[in-house]
PDB file of N, CA and C in Angstrom:
ATOM      1  N   MET A   1       0.849  -1.175   0.000  1.00  0.00           N
ATOM      2  CA  MET A   1       0.000   0.000   0.000  1.00  0.00           C
ATOM      3  C   MET A   1       0.896   1.240   0.000  1.00  0.00           C
ATOM      4  N   LYS A   2       0.604   2.191  -0.839  1.00  0.00           N
ATOM      5  CA  LYS A   2       1.371   3.426  -0.941  1.00  0.00           C
ATOM      6  C   LYS A   2       0.662   4.549  -0.200  1.00  0.00           C
ATOM      7  N   THR A   3       1.423   5.600   0.061  1.00  0.00           N
ATOM      8  CA  THR A   3       0.812   6.822   0.564  1.00  0.00           C
ATOM      9  C   THR A   3       0.673   7.792  -0.599  1.00  0.00           C
ATOM     10  N   LEU A   4      -0.127   8.795  -0.411  1.00  0.00           N
ATOM     11  CA  LEU A   4      -0.347   9.783  -1.462  1.00  0.00           C
ATOM     12  C   LEU A   4       0.967  10.435  -1.876  1.00  0.00           C
ATOM     13  N   SER A   5       1.855  10.654  -0.936  1.00  0.00           N
ATOM     14  CA  SER A   5       3.136  11.306  -1.261  1.00  0.00           C
ATOM     15  C   SER A   5       4.045  10.437  -2.126  1.00  0.00           C
ATOM     16  N   ASP A   6       3.791   9.118  -2.182  1.00  0.00           N
ATOM     17  CA  ASP A   6       4.597   8.199  -2.996  1.00  0.00           C
ATOM     18  C   ASP A   6       4.159   8.171  -4.459  1.00  0.00           C
ATOM     19  N   MET A   7       2.997   8.716  -4.765  1.00  0.00           N
ATOM     20  CA  MET A   7       2.448   8.618  -6.127  1.00  0.00           C
ATOM     21  C   MET A   7       3.095   9.642  -7.055  1.00  0.00           C
ATOM     22  N   HIS A   8       3.273   9.238  -8.293  1.00  0.00           N
ATOM     23  CA  HIS A   8       3.855  10.107  -9.313  1.00  0.00           C
ATOM     24  C   HIS A   8       2.778  10.973  -9.946  1.00  0.00           C
ATOM     25  N   GLU A   9       3.209  12.038 -10.572  1.00  0.00           N
ATOM     26  CA  GLU A   9       2.291  12.948 -11.257  1.00  0.00           C
ATOM     27  C   GLU A   9       1.501  12.218 -12.330  1.00  0.00           C
ATOM     28  N   GLY A  10       0.220  12.539 -12.433  1.00  0.00           N
ATOM     29  CA  GLY A  10      -0.645  11.967 -13.448  1.00  0.00           C
ATOM     30  C   GLY A  10      -1.282  10.648 -13.055  1.00  0.00           C
ATOM     31  N   ILE A  11      -0.932  10.102 -11.900  1.00  0.00           N
ATOM     32  CA  ILE A  11      -1.465   8.815 -11.452  1.00  0.00           C
ATOM     33  C   ILE A  11      -2.727   9.036 -10.627  1.00  0.00           C
ATOM     34  N   THR A  12      -3.716   8.186 -10.849  1.00  0.00           N
ATOM     35  CA  THR A  12      -4.966   8.217 -10.085  1.00  0.00           C
ATOM     36  C   THR A  12      -5.017   7.006  -9.174  1.00  0.00           C
ATOM     37  N   GLY A  13      -5.493   7.214  -7.977  1.00  0.00           N
ATOM     38  CA  GLY A  13      -5.622   6.127  -7.013  1.00  0.00           C
ATOM     39  C   GLY A  13      -6.881   6.279  -6.195  1.00  0.00           C
ATOM     40  N   GLU A  14      -7.121   5.295  -5.361  1.00  0.00           N
ATOM     41  CA  GLU A  14      -8.294   5.286  -4.493  1.00  0.00           C
ATOM     42  C   GLU A  14      -7.836   5.412  -3.041  1.00  0.00           C
ATOM     43  N   ILE A  15      -8.443   6.315  -2.303  1.00  0.00           N
ATOM     44  CA  ILE A  15      -8.116   6.480  -0.891  1.00  0.00           C
ATOM     45  C   ILE A  15      -8.626   5.260  -0.138  1.00  0.00           C
ATOM     46  N   THR A  16      -7.732   4.608   0.606  1.00  0.00           N
ATOM     47  CA  THR A  16      -8.125   3.414   1.353  1.00  0.00           C
ATOM     48  C   THR A  16      -8.119   3.643   2.857  1.00  0.00           C
ATOM     49  N   GLY A  17      -7.584   4.763   3.320  1.00  0.00           N
ATOM     50  CA  GLY A  17      -7.563   5.057   4.748  1.00  0.00           C
ATOM     51  C   GLY A  17      -6.442   6.007   5.082  1.00  0.00           C
ATOM     52  N   VAL A  18      -6.149   6.096   6.386  1.00  0.00           N
ATOM     53  CA  VAL A  18      -5.061   6.938   6.861  1.00  0.00           C
ATOM     54  C   VAL A  18      -4.139   6.107   7.731  1.00  0.00           C
ATOM     55  N   VAL A  19      -2.904   6.589   7.901  1.00  0.00           N
ATOM     56  CA  VAL A  19      -1.927   5.891   8.728  1.00  0.00           C
ATOM     57  C   VAL A  19      -2.475   5.781  10.141  1.00  0.00           C
ATOM     58  N   ASN A  20      -2.371   4.579  10.714  1.00  0.00           N
ATOM     59  CA  ASN A  20      -2.844   4.353  12.075  1.00  0.00           C
ATOM     60  C   ASN A  20      -1.944   5.023  13.085  1.00  0.00           C
ATOM     61  N   GLU A  21      -2.512   5.253  14.246  1.00  0.00           N
ATOM     62  CA  GLU A  21      -1.757   5.836  15.362  1.00  0.00           C
ATOM     63  C   GLU A  21      -0.637   4.899  15.766  1.00  0.00           C
ATOM     64  N   GLY A  22       0.481   5.430  16.152  1.00  0.00           N
ATOM     65  CA  GLY A  22       1.601   4.625  16.604  1.00  0.00           C
ATOM     66  C   GLY A  22       2.580   5.488  17.361  1.00  0.00           C
ATOM     67  N   ARG A  23       3.684   4.920  17.759  1.00  0.00           N
ATOM     68  CA  ARG A  23       4.716   5.685  18.471  1.00  0.00           C
ATOM     69  C   ARG A  23       6.071   5.351  17.853  1.00  0.00           C
ATOM     70  N   HIS A  24       6.926   6.370  17.742  1.00  0.00           N
ATOM     71  CA  HIS A  24       8.271   6.079  17.268  1.00  0.00           C
ATOM     72  C   HIS A  24       9.212   5.922  18.457  1.00  0.00           C
ATOM     73  N   LYS A  25      10.473   5.738  18.212  1.00  0.00           N
ATOM     74  CA  LYS A  25      11.415   5.348  19.263  1.00  0.00           C
ATOM     75  C   LYS A  25      11.542   6.353  20.403  1.00  0.00           C
ATOM     76  N   HIS A  26      11.168   7.607  20.187  1.00  0.00           N
ATOM     77  CA  HIS A  26      11.261   8.603  21.247  1.00  0.00           C
ATOM     78  C   HIS A  26       9.964   8.721  22.038  1.00  0.00           C
ATOM     79  N   GLY A  27       8.972   7.888  21.717  1.00  0.00           N
ATOM     80  CA  GLY A  27       7.722   7.880  22.461  1.00  0.00           C
ATOM     81  C   GLY A  27       6.687   8.871  21.983  1.00  0.00           C
ATOM     82  N   HIS A  28       7.035   9.673  20.989  1.00  0.00           N
ATOM     83  CA  HIS A  28       6.060  10.634  20.468  1.00  0.00           C
ATOM     84  C   HIS A  28       5.089   9.943  19.528  1.00  0.00           C
ATOM     85  N   LYS A  29       3.882  10.473  19.462  1.00  0.00           N
ATOM     86  CA  LYS A  29       2.885   9.888  18.574  1.00  0.00           C
ATOM     87  C   LYS A  29       3.231  10.228  17.132  1.00  0.00           C
ATOM     88  N   ARG A  30       2.888   9.322  16.245  1.00  0.00           N
ATOM     89  CA  ARG A  30       2.999   9.595  14.817  1.00  0.00           C
ATOM     90  C   ARG A  30       1.675   9.182  14.200  1.00  0.00           C
ATOM     91  N   GLY A  31       1.458   9.497  12.968  1.00  0.00           N
ATOM     92  CA  GLY A  31       0.196   9.173  12.329  1.00  0.00           C
ATOM     93  C   GLY A  31      -0.850  10.211  12.681  1.00  0.00           C
ATOM     94  N   LEU A  32      -2.091   9.871  12.437  1.00  0.00           N
ATOM     95  CA  LEU A  32      -3.187  10.797  12.702  1.00  0.00           C
ATOM     96  C   LEU A  32      -4.023  10.291  13.858  1.00  0.00           C
ATOM     97  N   ASN A  33      -4.422  11.198  14.705  1.00  0.00           N
ATOM     98  CA  ASN A  33      -5.360  10.832  15.748  1.00  0.00           C
ATOM     99  C   ASN A  33      -6.777  11.052  15.224  1.00  0.00           C
ATOM    100  N   HIS A  34      -7.754  10.892  16.068  1.00  0.00           N
ATOM    101  CA  HIS A  34      -9.152  11.045  15.639  1.00  0.00           C
ATOM    102  C   HIS A  34      -9.393  12.426  15.047  1.00  0.00           C
ATOM    103  N   ASN A  35      -8.808  13.470  15.642  1.00  0.00           N
ATOM    104  CA  ASN A  35      -8.995  14.825  15.125  1.00  0.00           C
ATOM    105  C   ASN A  35      -8.373  14.987  13.748  1.00  0.00           C
ATOM    106  N   GLY A  36      -7.246  14.322  13.508  1.00  0.00           N
ATOM    107  CA  GLY A  36      -6.624  14.379  12.193  1.00  0.00           C
ATOM    108  C   GLY A  36      -7.490  13.737  11.132  1.00  0.00           C
ATOM    109  N   GLU A  37      -8.099  12.602  11.474  1.00  0.00           N
ATOM    110  CA  GLU A  37      -9.004  11.945  10.537  1.00  0.00           C
ATOM    111  C   GLU A  37     -10.214  12.821  10.269  1.00  0.00           C
ATOM    112  N   ALA A  38     -10.742  13.447  11.307  1.00  0.00           N
ATOM    113  CA  ALA A  38     -11.900  14.331  11.142  1.00  0.00           C
ATOM    114  C   ALA A  38     -11.536  15.514  10.250  1.00  0.00           C
ATOM    115  N   ARG A  39     -10.328  16.028  10.404  1.00  0.00           N
ATOM    116  CA  ARG A  39      -9.882  17.150   9.581  1.00  0.00           C
ATOM    117  C   ARG A  39      -9.836  16.765   8.107  1.00  0.00           C
ATOM    118  N   LEU A  40      -9.319  15.570   7.826  1.00  0.00           N
ATOM    119  CA  LEU A  40      -9.288  15.111   6.436  1.00  0.00           C
ATOM    120  C   LEU A  40     -10.696  14.983   5.867  1.00  0.00           C
ATOM    121  N   ARG A  41     -11.626  14.474   6.653  1.00  0.00           N
ATOM    122  CA  ARG A  41     -13.020  14.343   6.187  1.00  0.00           C
ATOM    123  C   ARG A  41     -13.634  15.720   5.930  1.00  0.00           C
ATOM    124  N   GLU A  42     -13.338  16.682   6.788  1.00  0.00           N
ATOM    125  CA  GLU A  42     -13.839  18.041   6.581  1.00  0.00           C
ATOM    126  C   GLU A  42     -13.281  18.643   5.297  1.00  0.00           C
ATOM    127  N   MET A  43     -12.079  18.246   4.933  1.00  0.00           N
ATOM    128  CA  MET A  43     -11.454  18.733   3.704  1.00  0.00           C
ATOM    129  C   MET A  43     -12.001  18.003   2.477  1.00  0.00           C
ATOM    130  N   GLY A  44     -12.776  16.923   2.701  1.00  0.00           N
ATOM    131  CA  GLY A  44     -13.380  16.202   1.583  1.00  0.00           C
ATOM    132  C   GLY A  44     -12.740  14.880   1.244  1.00  0.00           C
ATOM    133  N   PHE A  45     -11.783  14.405   2.041  1.00  0.00           N
ATOM    134  CA  PHE A  45     -11.107  13.137   1.785  1.00  0.00           C
ATOM    135  C   PHE A  45     -11.863  11.998   2.462  1.00  0.00           C
ATOM    136  N   TYR A  46     -12.331  11.045   1.656  1.00  0.00           N
ATOM    137  CA  TYR A  46     -13.070   9.890   2.164  1.00  0.00           C
ATOM    138  C   TYR A  46     -12.519   8.612   1.552  1.00  0.00           C
ATOM    139  N   GLU A  47     -12.617   7.515   2.294  1.00  0.00           N
ATOM    140  CA  GLU A  47     -12.222   6.215   1.762  1.00  0.00           C
ATOM    141  C   GLU A  47     -13.066   5.895   0.538  1.00  0.00           C
ATOM    142  N   GLY A  48     -12.428   5.291  -0.462  1.00  0.00           N
ATOM    143  CA  GLY A  48     -13.115   4.926  -1.691  1.00  0.00           C
ATOM    144  C   GLY A  48     -13.110   6.025  -2.741  1.00  0.00           C
ATOM    145  N   GLN A  49     -12.679   7.201  -2.373  1.00  0.00           N
ATOM    146  CA  GLN A  49     -12.668   8.342  -3.286  1.00  0.00           C
ATOM    147  C   GLN A  49     -11.467   8.268  -4.225  1.00  0.00           C
ATOM    148  N   GLN A  50     -11.660   8.640  -5.473  1.00  0.00           N
ATOM    149  CA  GLN A  50     -10.591   8.689  -6.462  1.00  0.00           C
ATOM    150  C   GLN A  50      -9.853  10.014  -6.329  1.00  0.00           C
ATOM    151  N   ILE A  51      -8.525   9.952  -6.418  1.00  0.00           N
ATOM    152  CA  ILE A  51      -7.705  11.155  -6.303  1.00  0.00           C
ATOM    153  C   ILE A  51      -6.566  11.058  -7.319  1.00  0.00           C
ATOM    154  N   THR A  52      -6.272  12.174  -7.973  1.00  0.00           N
ATOM    155  CA  THR A  52      -5.223  12.228  -8.989  1.00  0.00           C
ATOM    156  C   THR A  52      -4.140  13.198  -8.532  1.00  0.00           C
ATOM    157  N   VAL A  53      -2.891  12.789  -8.661  1.00  0.00           N
ATOM    158  CA  VAL A  53      -1.764  13.660  -8.323  1.00  0.00           C
ATOM    159  C   VAL A  53      -1.439  14.500  -9.557  1.00  0.00           C
ATOM    160  N   LEU A  54      -1.570  15.808  -9.419  1.00  0.00           N
ATOM    161  CA  LEU A  54      -1.273  16.711 -10.525  1.00  0.00           C
ATOM    162  C   LEU A  54       0.174  17.186 -10.480  1.00  0.00           C
ATOM    163  N   GLN A  55       0.712  17.342  -9.258  1.00  0.00           N
ATOM    164  CA  GLN A  55       2.096  17.788  -9.131  1.00  0.00           C
ATOM    165  C   GLN A  55       2.703  17.165  -7.882  1.00  0.00           C
ATOM    166  N   ASN A  56       3.864  16.530  -8.067  1.00  0.00           N
ATOM    167  CA  ASN A  56       4.619  15.956  -6.965  1.00  0.00           C
ATOM    168  C   ASN A  56       6.091  16.030  -7.346  1.00  0.00           C
ATOM    169  N   LYS A  57       6.782  17.019  -6.830  1.00  0.00           N
ATOM    170  CA  LYS A  57       8.181  17.242  -7.191  1.00  0.00           C
ATOM    171  C   LYS A  57       9.153  16.479  -6.306  1.00  0.00           C
ATOM    172  N   GLY A  58       8.639  15.650  -5.381  1.00  0.00           N
ATOM    173  CA  GLY A  58       9.510  14.860  -4.527  1.00  0.00           C
ATOM    174  C   GLY A  58       9.819  15.497  -3.189  1.00  0.00           C
ATOM    175  N   ASN A  59       9.615  16.796  -3.079  1.00  0.00           N
ATOM    176  CA  ASN A  59       9.708  17.485  -1.794  1.00  0.00           C
ATOM    177  C   ASN A  59       8.732  18.659  -1.828  1.00  0.00           C
ATOM    178  N   GLY A  60       8.339  19.121  -0.689  1.00  0.00           N
ATOM    179  CA  GLY A  60       7.358  20.204  -0.643  1.00  0.00           C
ATOM    180  C   GLY A  60       5.955  19.682  -0.863  1.00  0.00           C
ATOM    181  N   PRO A  61       5.008  20.593  -1.050  1.00  0.00           N
ATOM    182  CA  PRO A  61       3.604  20.199  -1.156  1.00  0.00           C
ATOM    183  C   PRO A  61       3.263  19.495  -2.465  1.00  0.00           C
ATOM    184  N   LEU A  62       2.120  18.797  -2.447  1.00  0.00           N
ATOM    185  CA  LEU A  62       1.576  18.134  -3.630  1.00  0.00           C
ATOM    186  C   LEU A  62       0.333  18.879  -4.071  1.00  0.00           C
ATOM    187  N   VAL A  63       0.057  18.848  -5.356  1.00  0.00           N
ATOM    188  CA  VAL A  63      -1.203  19.358  -5.889  1.00  0.00           C
ATOM    189  C   VAL A  63      -1.995  18.144  -6.333  1.00  0.00           C
ATOM    190  N   VAL A  64      -3.222  18.007  -5.809  1.00  0.00           N
ATOM    191  CA  VAL A  64      -4.064  16.858  -6.127  1.00  0.00           C
ATOM    192  C   VAL A  64      -5.417  17.329  -6.631  1.00  0.00           C
ATOM    193  N   LYS A  65      -6.100  16.417  -7.321  1.00  0.00           N
ATOM    194  CA  LYS A  65      -7.442  16.707  -7.822  1.00  0.00           C
ATOM    195  C   LYS A  65      -8.370  15.598  -7.357  1.00  0.00           C
ATOM    196  N   PHE A  66      -9.512  15.985  -6.795  1.00  0.00           N
ATOM    197  CA  PHE A  66     -10.562  15.048  -6.419  1.00  0.00           C
ATOM    198  C   PHE A  66     -11.871  15.814  -6.401  1.00  0.00           C
ATOM    199  N   GLN A  67     -12.936  15.145  -6.743  1.00  0.00           N
ATOM    200  CA  GLN A  67     -14.279  15.751  -6.779  1.00  0.00           C
ATOM    201  C   GLN A  67     -14.275  17.085  -7.521  1.00  0.00           C
ATOM    202  N   ASP A  68     -13.632  17.172  -8.675  1.00  0.00           N
ATOM    203  CA  ASP A  68     -13.551  18.402  -9.468  1.00  0.00           C
ATOM    204  C   ASP A  68     -12.934  19.562  -8.704  1.00  0.00           C
ATOM    205  N   THR A  69     -12.102  19.270  -7.712  1.00  0.00           N
ATOM    206  CA  THR A  69     -11.440  20.287  -6.896  1.00  0.00           C
ATOM    207  C   THR A  69      -9.941  20.051  -6.926  1.00  0.00           C
ATOM    208  N   ARG A  70      -9.187  21.124  -7.019  1.00  0.00           N
ATOM    209  CA  ARG A  70      -7.730  21.042  -6.898  1.00  0.00           C
ATOM    210  C   ARG A  70      -7.359  21.538  -5.517  1.00  0.00           C
ATOM    211  N   MET A  71      -6.416  20.841  -4.893  1.00  0.00           N
ATOM    212  CA  MET A  71      -6.013  21.208  -3.546  1.00  0.00           C
ATOM    213  C   MET A  71      -4.513  21.014  -3.394  1.00  0.00           C
ATOM    214  N   VAL A  72      -3.903  21.875  -2.611  1.00  0.00           N
ATOM    215  CA  VAL A  72      -2.489  21.747  -2.275  1.00  0.00           C
ATOM    216  C   VAL A  72      -2.405  21.135  -0.883  1.00  0.00           C
ATOM    217  N   LEU A  73      -1.666  20.033  -0.768  1.00  0.00           N
ATOM    218  CA  LEU A  73      -1.505  19.342   0.511  1.00  0.00           C
ATOM    219  C   LEU A  73      -0.035  19.355   0.910  1.00  0.00           C
ATOM    220  N   GLY A  74       0.218  19.618   2.163  1.00  0.00           N
ATOM    221  CA  GLY A  74       1.572  19.497   2.675  1.00  0.00           C
ATOM    222  C   GLY A  74       2.024  18.047   2.598  1.00  0.00           C
ATOM    223  N   ARG A  75       3.300  17.845   2.410  1.00  0.00           N
ATOM    224  CA  ARG A  75       3.843  16.492   2.269  1.00  0.00           C
ATOM    225  C   ARG A  75       3.583  15.644   3.516  1.00  0.00           C
ATOM    226  N   GLY A  76       3.664  16.227   4.696  1.00  0.00           N
ATOM    227  CA  GLY A  76       3.418  15.478   5.923  1.00  0.00           C
ATOM    228  C   GLY A  76       2.024  14.883   5.964  1.00  0.00           C
ATOM    229  N   LEU A  77       1.022  15.656   5.582  1.00  0.00           N
ATOM    230  CA  LEU A  77      -0.342  15.152   5.550  1.00  0.00           C
ATOM    231  C   LEU A  77      -0.504  14.126   4.434  1.00  0.00           C
ATOM    232  N   ALA A  78       0.103  14.378   3.281  1.00  0.00           N
ATOM    233  CA  ALA A  78       0.008  13.449   2.150  1.00  0.00           C
ATOM    234  C   ALA A  78       0.635  12.094   2.493  1.00  0.00           C
ATOM    235  N   MET A  79       1.636  12.090   3.378  1.00  0.00           N
ATOM    236  CA  MET A  79       2.291  10.848   3.773  1.00  0.00           C
ATOM    237  C   MET A  79       1.400   9.992   4.674  1.00  0.00           C
ATOM    238  N   LYS A  80       0.319  10.550   5.154  1.00  0.00           N
ATOM    239  CA  LYS A  80      -0.568   9.824   6.057  1.00  0.00           C
ATOM    240  C   LYS A  80      -1.808   9.267   5.363  1.00  0.00           C
ATOM    241  N   ILE A  81      -2.012   9.619   4.092  1.00  0.00           N
ATOM    242  CA  ILE A  81      -3.175   9.155   3.332  1.00  0.00           C
ATOM    243  C   ILE A  81      -2.771   7.924   2.528  1.00  0.00           C
ATOM    244  N   LEU A  82      -3.416   6.803   2.809  1.00  0.00           N
ATOM    245  CA  LEU A  82      -3.109   5.544   2.125  1.00  0.00           C
ATOM    246  C   LEU A  82      -3.882   5.457   0.811  1.00  0.00           C
ATOM    247  N   ILE A  83      -3.197   4.988  -0.220  1.00  0.00           N
ATOM    248  CA  ILE A  83      -3.750   4.959  -1.581  1.00  0.00           C
ATOM    249  C   ILE A  83      -3.551   3.591  -2.212  1.00  0.00           C
ATOM    250  N   ARG A  84      -4.567   3.127  -2.926  1.00  0.00           N
ATOM    251  CA  ARG A  84      -4.437   1.956  -3.798  1.00  0.00           C
ATOM    252  C   ARG A  84      -4.321   2.500  -5.207  1.00  0.00           C
ATOM    253  N   ASN A  85      -3.204   2.204  -5.856  1.00  0.00           N
ATOM    254  CA  ASN A  85      -2.926   2.692  -7.196  1.00  0.00           C
ATOM    255  C   ASN A  85      -3.855   2.013  -8.193  1.00  0.00           C
ATOM    256  N   ASN A  86      -4.564   2.809  -9.001  1.00  0.00           N
ATOM    257  CA  ASN A  86      -5.473   2.257 -10.008  1.00  0.00           C
ATOM    258  C   ASN A  86      -4.775   1.958 -11.326  1.00  0.00           C
ATOM    259  N   GLN A  87      -3.539   2.444 -11.497  1.00  0.00           N
ATOM    260  CA  GLN A  87      -2.810   2.252 -12.744  1.00  0.00           C
ATOM    261  C   GLN A  87      -1.559   1.440 -12.468  1.00  0.00           C
ATOM    262  N   SER A  88      -1.223   0.557 -13.360  1.00  0.00           N
ATOM    263  CA  SER A  88      -0.008  -0.269 -13.175  1.00  0.00           C
ATOM    264  C   SER A  88       1.186   0.432 -13.740  1.00  0.00           C
TER     265      SER A  88
END
């Protein structure tokens, strides 16, 4: 399973979820908590939704298209959105 930040420009995928809560070696939380998931839903991101990467330069924000909307997402947030690639 890839994250949105791993997808190349022009590729369309299906949102399958978000990174689960966890802890890294320093004990800090990583991933999204319930509020993070709610924030994504408020922004219009839902499981099963098709999303296309319009711009991904490998660092910095991504430009994506979904539901006839273009949006700029920070790389950190894009790394938490799980995607099933629809194209081989």
